[in-house]
Protein backbone atom coordinates (compact mmCIF):
# COMPACT_ATOMS: atom_id res chain seq x y z
CA MET A 1 -19.41 58.60 146.38
CA VAL A 2 -15.76 57.77 146.11
CA VAL A 3 -13.53 59.97 144.04
CA PHE A 4 -10.32 58.59 142.66
CA ILE A 5 -7.53 60.97 141.90
CA VAL A 6 -4.96 59.73 139.51
CA ALA A 7 -1.62 61.41 139.70
CA CYS A 8 0.32 61.65 136.51
CA LYS A 9 4.04 61.47 136.61
CA LYS A 10 6.29 62.20 133.67
CA ASP A 11 8.27 59.14 132.77
CA LYS A 12 11.88 60.22 132.32
CA ALA A 13 12.47 57.34 129.94
CA SER A 14 9.74 58.55 127.58
CA SER A 15 11.09 62.00 126.82
CA GLY A 16 14.10 64.18 127.29
CA ASN A 17 14.01 67.94 127.56
CA GLY A 18 16.95 70.26 127.16
CA PRO A 19 17.52 73.59 128.86
CA ASP A 20 16.78 75.37 125.58
CA GLY A 21 13.34 73.77 125.24
CA THR A 22 14.52 71.00 122.92
CA SER A 23 12.54 67.80 123.35
CA VAL A 24 13.26 64.24 122.26
CA ASP A 25 10.97 61.22 122.36
CA CYS A 26 13.32 58.79 124.08
CA GLY A 27 11.21 55.86 122.90
CA THR A 28 12.46 56.45 119.38
CA VAL A 29 16.16 56.51 120.29
CA LYS A 30 17.83 53.22 119.38
CA PHE A 31 21.49 52.33 119.17
CA SER A 32 21.37 51.04 115.60
CA SER A 33 19.26 53.82 114.11
CA THR A 34 20.23 56.85 116.22
CA ILE A 35 23.39 56.46 118.28
CA LEU A 36 25.63 54.48 115.90
CA PRO A 37 24.95 56.82 112.95
CA LEU A 38 25.59 59.84 115.20
CA ILE A 39 28.87 58.47 116.55
CA SER A 40 29.91 57.23 113.11
CA SER A 41 29.37 60.60 111.45
CA ARG A 42 30.66 62.87 114.21
CA CYS A 43 33.20 60.81 116.19
CA ALA A 44 34.42 57.71 114.35
CA THR A 45 36.02 59.76 111.60
CA SER A 46 39.55 59.77 110.24
CA GLY A 47 41.97 61.30 112.72
CA CYS A 48 39.48 61.10 115.58
CA HIS A 49 37.97 57.79 116.72
CA ASP A 50 38.10 55.60 113.62
CA ALA A 51 39.26 51.97 113.64
CA THR A 52 42.95 52.93 113.95
CA SER A 53 42.52 55.59 116.64
CA SER A 54 44.48 55.80 119.86
CA ASN A 55 42.86 59.11 120.85
CA GLY A 56 41.09 59.20 124.22
CA PRO A 57 39.02 56.05 124.51
CA GLY A 58 40.28 54.83 121.13
CA PRO A 59 38.07 53.62 118.31
CA LEU A 60 34.31 54.19 118.52
CA THR A 61 33.19 52.09 115.59
CA ASN A 62 30.95 49.45 117.16
CA TYR A 63 28.62 48.83 120.08
CA ALA A 64 31.23 47.28 122.39
CA GLN A 65 33.62 50.22 121.99
CA ILE A 66 30.90 52.84 122.35
CA PHE A 67 29.34 51.08 125.35
CA ALA A 68 32.72 50.81 127.10
CA SER A 69 33.32 54.54 126.54
CA ARG A 70 29.77 55.78 127.22
CA VAL A 71 30.64 57.76 130.37
CA GLN A 72 33.59 59.48 128.68
CA ILE A 73 31.50 60.22 125.61
CA ILE A 74 28.60 61.91 127.41
CA SER A 75 30.94 63.79 129.74
CA SER A 76 33.02 65.15 126.85
CA VAL A 77 29.96 65.95 124.74
CA ASN A 78 28.15 67.76 127.56
CA ALA A 79 31.28 69.80 128.32
CA ASN A 80 31.53 70.67 124.58
CA ARG A 81 35.05 69.18 124.45
CA MET A 82 33.91 66.73 121.79
CA PRO A 83 33.56 66.46 118.94
CA GLN A 84 36.53 68.66 118.16
CA THR A 85 35.61 69.07 114.51
CA GLY A 86 32.32 70.27 113.13
CA GLY A 87 31.31 72.09 116.31
CA PRO A 88 29.46 70.72 119.33
CA LEU A 89 26.55 68.34 119.01
CA SER A 90 23.12 69.90 118.84
CA SER A 91 20.80 69.89 121.85
CA THR A 92 18.78 67.16 120.15
CA GLN A 93 21.85 64.98 119.62
CA LYS A 94 22.94 65.45 123.24
CA LEU A 95 19.46 64.51 124.43
CA GLN A 96 19.49 61.43 122.22
CA LEU A 97 22.72 60.29 123.84
CA SER A 98 21.25 60.94 127.29
CA CYS A 99 18.07 59.04 126.44
CA TRP A 100 20.08 56.06 125.26
CA LEU A 101 22.23 56.07 128.39
CA ASP A 102 19.26 56.56 130.73
CA ALA A 103 17.52 53.58 129.09
CA GLY A 104 20.49 51.32 129.84
CA ALA A 105 22.61 51.89 126.72
CA LYS A 106 21.09 48.85 125.01
CA ASN A 107 22.31 47.37 121.75
CA ASP A 108 18.99 47.62 119.93
């Protein structure tokens, strides 16, 4: 009799877990439905990173701008330096950004 043992490995791309126990299904995180609305509502606001901004990386209103600034964004968010208004992003929002980046920061 031959016994096969199948080892299960957690796929990092399928879920993200925060230090506080927060969990996100990374398969549901998409640029158009998750990341763009998050950046639009919390970052691309008047006086911060709207279309006329010269702050930090400049405007964060479309995929090209957000993609070009992705390293600065996650670094600032994880250090709680950004966003400067409305308080830091939630653990879920931070995980969503990480999921998107870990999956290649696709424009989907």
